[in-house]
Amino acid sequence: MRVVAIDGPAASGKSSTAALVAQRLGWAHLDSGALYRALTLAALDRLGEEGRGIGDGWPAQRILGLADELPVRLVLVGQTFRPEVAGVDVEAEIRSDRVTARVSEVATLSAVREWVNDQQRRAVAAYPEGVVVDGRDIGTVVFPDAPLKVFLTASPDERARRRLSQRGDRLDDDRVARESRALADRDRVDASRPVAPLRAADDAVVLDSTRMSLDEQVARVVALARERLPG
């Protein structure tokens, strides 16, 4: 199995790092979060806001019914697996605020996680040259036998600065503090959820990128990949 699994908390730089690592290795890149977001987009467009405020959200079987009917799938474009809904590339739409607001709700459903995991395994099996996959449970649940597992992290303050910069927001102390608290709260929720909690795999390389540039962390993962998966 030629898989590099990159996990870590929100705003740790997983996707940016994974995409560049894949590029330098000449492998494909798969962002597991994109598939959860595509399912959420499909639910918002086809099911509306039903269940919101009641506490039950969307039933998993209805979301998975949409996944089969539309369909929702991963398509290899160049060397990147991109999500499609009803044959349309939704890479831009899935990053919207309305999707971000509800994707965690969808991602906590056991049946949905099983479906997403199956799609990821199928994608990797169809691309034996090698795939870099990033998410929150790739090394612990989806690909527990991956030859290289990396748990990428950084301090909440540093992740807050990165998230604000990505949005184009000012980096004043109050904004950083608020975003840092929000990320710390997200960490606690992700680490304590009953289904696939966020944690580093026992054999993962933990990489704290708080004081590392993007290029430095990419170079570190590439070196590990070439060491463990030569050729």
Protein backbone atom coordinates (compact mmCIF):
# COMPACT_ATOMS: atom_id res chain seq x y z
CA MET A 1 0.00 0.00 0.00
CA ARG A 2 1.58 3.24 -1.16
CA VAL A 3 -0.21 5.64 1.16
CA VAL A 4 0.98 8.56 3.24
CA ALA A 5 -1.65 9.33 5.89
CA ILE A 6 -1.63 12.88 7.28
CA ASP A 7 -3.91 13.63 10.22
CA GLY A 8 -4.22 16.56 12.59
CA PRO A 9 -6.53 19.16 14.11
CA ALA A 10 -8.31 21.95 12.25
CA ALA A 11 -6.07 24.59 10.62
CA SER A 12 -2.91 22.56 11.17
CA GLY A 13 -2.07 22.79 7.47
CA LYS A 14 -2.92 19.19 6.58
CA SER A 15 -4.38 19.81 3.13
CA SER A 16 -1.74 22.33 2.02
CA THR A 17 1.04 20.05 3.20
CA ALA A 18 -0.53 16.92 1.70
CA ALA A 19 -1.07 18.57 -1.69
CA LEU A 20 2.56 19.72 -1.91
CA VAL A 21 3.92 16.40 -0.66
CA ALA A 22 1.91 14.59 -3.34
CA GLN A 23 3.17 17.01 -5.98
CA ARG A 24 6.82 16.50 -5.05
CA LEU A 25 6.45 12.73 -4.92
CA GLY A 26 4.49 12.62 -8.18
CA TRP A 27 1.57 10.98 -6.36
CA ALA A 28 -2.14 11.77 -6.14
CA HIS A 29 -3.72 13.80 -3.33
CA LEU A 30 -7.00 13.01 -1.58
CA ASP A 31 -8.56 15.41 0.94
CA SER A 32 -11.07 13.35 2.95
CA GLY A 33 -12.77 16.50 4.22
CA ALA A 34 -13.80 17.41 0.67
CA LEU A 35 -16.03 14.34 0.45
CA TYR A 36 -17.77 15.12 3.75
CA ARG A 37 -18.29 18.66 2.49
CA ALA A 38 -19.69 17.41 -0.82
CA LEU A 39 -22.23 15.28 1.05
CA THR A 40 -23.16 18.28 3.19
CA LEU A 41 -23.60 20.45 0.09
CA ALA A 42 -25.86 17.81 -1.46
CA ALA A 43 -27.95 17.64 1.72
CA LEU A 44 -28.30 21.42 1.92
CA ASP A 45 -29.35 21.69 -1.73
CA ARG A 46 -31.72 18.72 -1.77
CA LEU A 47 -32.96 18.38 1.82
CA GLY A 48 -32.84 22.02 2.88
CA GLU A 49 -32.67 22.87 6.56
CA GLU A 50 -34.94 20.08 7.78
CA GLY A 51 -34.19 18.88 11.29
CA ARG A 52 -32.18 21.96 12.19
CA GLY A 53 -33.00 23.10 15.69
CA ILE A 54 -34.74 19.83 16.51
CA GLY A 55 -31.54 18.11 17.42
CA ASP A 56 -31.76 15.23 14.99
CA GLY A 57 -30.24 16.82 11.89
CA TRP A 58 -30.47 14.94 8.58
CA PRO A 59 -30.98 11.14 8.74
CA ALA A 60 -27.86 9.31 7.55
CA GLN A 61 -29.88 7.11 5.22
CA ARG A 62 -31.24 10.14 3.37
CA ILE A 63 -27.77 11.61 2.93
CA LEU A 64 -26.42 8.31 1.63
CA GLY A 65 -29.46 7.96 -0.62
CA LEU A 66 -28.47 11.27 -2.22
CA ALA A 67 -24.87 10.06 -2.53
CA ASP A 68 -26.06 7.15 -4.68
CA GLU A 69 -28.79 8.97 -6.61
CA LEU A 70 -26.97 12.15 -7.68
CA PRO A 71 -24.25 10.71 -7.35
CA VAL A 72 -21.63 12.15 -4.99
CA ARG A 73 -18.21 10.79 -5.94
CA LEU A 74 -14.48 11.35 -6.13
CA VAL A 75 -12.99 11.98 -9.58
CA LEU A 76 -9.27 12.06 -10.35
CA VAL A 77 -8.42 15.34 -12.08
CA GLY A 78 -4.74 15.40 -12.94
CA GLN A 79 -3.29 14.10 -9.69
CA THR A 80 -5.98 15.39 -7.34
CA PHE A 81 -9.15 13.59 -6.30
CA ARG A 82 -11.94 16.15 -6.51
CA PRO A 83 -15.56 15.82 -5.34
CA GLU A 84 -18.40 15.87 -7.84
CA VAL A 85 -22.12 16.19 -7.16
CA ALA A 86 -24.41 15.16 -10.03
CA GLY A 87 -21.46 15.31 -12.42
CA VAL A 88 -20.46 18.86 -11.41
CA ASP A 89 -17.11 19.80 -9.86
CA VAL A 90 -18.04 21.37 -6.50
CA GLU A 91 -14.55 22.13 -5.18
CA ALA A 92 -15.38 25.85 -4.83
CA GLU A 93 -18.92 25.44 -3.48
CA ILE A 94 -17.94 23.09 -0.66
CA ARG A 95 -15.78 25.80 0.94
CA SER A 96 -18.76 28.10 1.53
CA ASP A 97 -19.80 29.23 5.01
CA ARG A 98 -23.11 27.37 4.84
CA VAL A 99 -21.31 24.07 4.21
CA THR A 100 -18.71 24.79 6.88
CA ALA A 101 -21.47 25.44 9.42
CA ARG A 102 -22.95 21.94 9.06
CA VAL A 103 -20.21 19.61 7.84
CA SER A 104 -19.28 18.51 11.38
CA GLU A 105 -22.88 17.38 11.91
CA VAL A 106 -22.66 15.15 8.83
CA ALA A 107 -19.19 13.86 9.66
CA THR A 108 -20.29 12.53 13.07
CA LEU A 109 -22.76 10.04 11.53
CA SER A 110 -21.33 6.52 11.68
CA ALA A 111 -22.95 5.34 8.47
CA VAL A 112 -21.68 8.41 6.61
CA ARG A 113 -18.14 7.84 7.88
CA GLU A 114 -18.27 4.22 6.74
CA TRP A 115 -19.38 5.32 3.27
CA VAL A 116 -16.66 7.99 3.02
CA ASN A 117 -14.01 5.53 4.22
CA ASP A 118 -15.07 3.03 1.57
CA GLN A 119 -14.85 5.69 -1.15
CA GLN A 120 -11.35 6.62 -0.02
CA ARG A 121 -10.17 3.02 -0.02
CA ARG A 122 -11.58 2.49 -3.50
CA ALA A 123 -9.82 5.61 -4.76
CA VAL A 124 -6.47 4.53 -3.33
CA ALA A 125 -6.85 1.00 -4.70
CA ALA A 126 -7.42 2.45 -8.16
CA TYR A 127 -4.21 4.51 -8.02
CA PRO A 128 -1.37 2.16 -7.03
CA GLU A 129 1.35 4.71 -7.88
CA GLY A 130 0.76 6.30 -4.47
CA VAL A 131 -1.71 8.61 -2.73
CA VAL A 132 -1.27 11.20 0.03
CA VAL A 133 -4.48 11.30 2.09
CA ASP A 134 -5.26 13.90 4.74
CA GLY A 135 -8.00 14.04 7.35
CA ARG A 136 -8.60 13.35 11.02
CA ASP A 137 -8.75 9.55 11.18
CA ILE A 138 -6.77 8.43 8.15
CA GLY A 139 -3.96 6.72 10.05
CA THR A 140 -6.16 5.41 12.86
CA VAL A 141 -9.24 4.17 10.97
CA VAL A 142 -9.15 4.50 7.19
CA PHE A 143 -5.61 3.25 6.48
CA PRO A 144 -4.26 1.81 9.74
CA ASP A 145 -1.63 -0.14 7.77
CA ALA A 146 -0.25 2.88 5.89
CA PRO A 147 3.57 2.71 5.78
CA LEU A 148 3.84 6.35 6.83
CA LYS A 149 1.48 8.14 9.20
CA VAL A 150 2.05 11.76 10.13
CA PHE A 151 0.16 13.66 12.82
CA LEU A 152 0.56 17.33 11.95
CA THR A 153 -0.14 19.85 14.67
CA ALA A 154 0.67 23.37 15.85
CA SER A 155 -0.27 25.55 18.80
CA PRO A 156 -3.85 26.95 18.82
CA ASP A 157 -2.48 30.51 18.49
CA GLU A 158 -0.40 29.62 15.44
CA ARG A 159 -3.29 27.76 13.85
CA ALA A 160 -5.50 30.77 14.57
CA ARG A 161 -3.07 33.08 12.76
CA ARG A 162 -2.98 30.73 9.77
CA ARG A 163 -6.76 30.47 9.62
CA LEU A 164 -7.21 34.26 9.84
CA SER A 165 -4.56 34.85 7.18
CA GLN A 166 -6.29 32.33 4.92
CA ARG A 167 -9.52 34.30 5.28
CA GLY A 168 -7.78 37.61 4.69
CA ASP A 169 -8.67 38.88 8.20
CA ARG A 170 -6.52 41.19 10.31
CA LEU A 171 -4.15 39.53 12.78
CA ASP A 172 -4.85 41.69 15.81
CA ASP A 173 -4.57 40.16 19.28
CA ASP A 174 -8.31 39.97 19.95
CA ARG A 175 -9.09 38.19 16.69
CA VAL A 176 -6.26 35.72 17.22
CA ALA A 177 -7.43 35.02 20.79
CA ARG A 178 -11.04 34.41 19.70
CA GLU A 179 -10.02 32.14 16.84
CA SER A 180 -7.58 30.30 19.09
CA ARG A 181 -10.34 29.59 21.63
CA ALA A 182 -12.65 28.39 18.87
CA LEU A 183 -10.00 26.01 17.55
CA ALA A 184 -9.23 24.70 21.04
CA ASP A 185 -12.95 24.02 21.53
CA ARG A 186 -13.06 22.22 18.16
CA ASP A 187 -10.07 20.11 19.25
CA ARG A 188 -11.87 19.02 22.41
CA VAL A 189 -14.99 18.06 20.48
CA ASP A 190 -13.03 16.16 17.82
CA ALA A 191 -10.93 14.33 20.42
CA SER A 192 -13.94 13.29 22.53
CA ARG A 193 -16.41 12.23 19.84
CA PRO A 194 -17.50 8.57 20.10
CA VAL A 195 -16.88 7.82 16.41
CA ALA A 196 -13.28 8.00 15.13
CA PRO A 197 -11.97 10.55 17.65
CA LEU A 198 -9.07 12.76 16.65
CA ARG A 199 -5.81 11.27 17.90
CA ALA A 200 -2.38 10.36 16.64
CA ALA A 201 -1.91 6.73 15.63
CA ASP A 202 0.45 4.85 17.94
CA ASP A 203 3.06 4.60 15.17
CA ALA A 204 2.54 8.08 13.72
CA VAL A 205 5.33 10.64 13.37
CA VAL A 206 4.11 13.67 15.33
CA LEU A 207 5.20 16.84 13.57
CA ASP A 208 4.73 20.11 15.45
CA SER A 209 4.84 22.82 12.81
CA THR A 210 4.37 25.79 15.15
CA ARG A 211 7.81 27.15 14.29
CA MET A 212 8.16 25.56 10.86
CA SER A 213 7.47 27.08 7.47
CA LEU A 214 5.20 25.24 5.04
CA ASP A 215 8.22 24.34 2.92
CA GLU A 216 10.04 22.90 5.94
CA GLN A 217 7.17 20.66 6.97
CA VAL A 218 6.62 19.50 3.39
CA ALA A 219 10.32 18.67 3.03
CA ARG A 220 10.22 16.66 6.28
CA VAL A 221 7.24 14.56 5.15
CA VAL A 222 8.71 14.02 1.67
CA ALA A 223 11.98 12.80 3.21
CA LEU A 224 10.08 10.35 5.44
CA ALA A 225 8.03 9.11 2.49
CA ARG A 226 11.10 8.49 0.33
CA GLU A 227 12.73 6.67 3.20
CA ARG A 228 9.79 4.36 3.90
CA LEU A 229 8.39 4.00 0.39
CA PRO A 230 11.36 4.10 -2.00
CA GLY A 231 10.98 3.85 -5.74
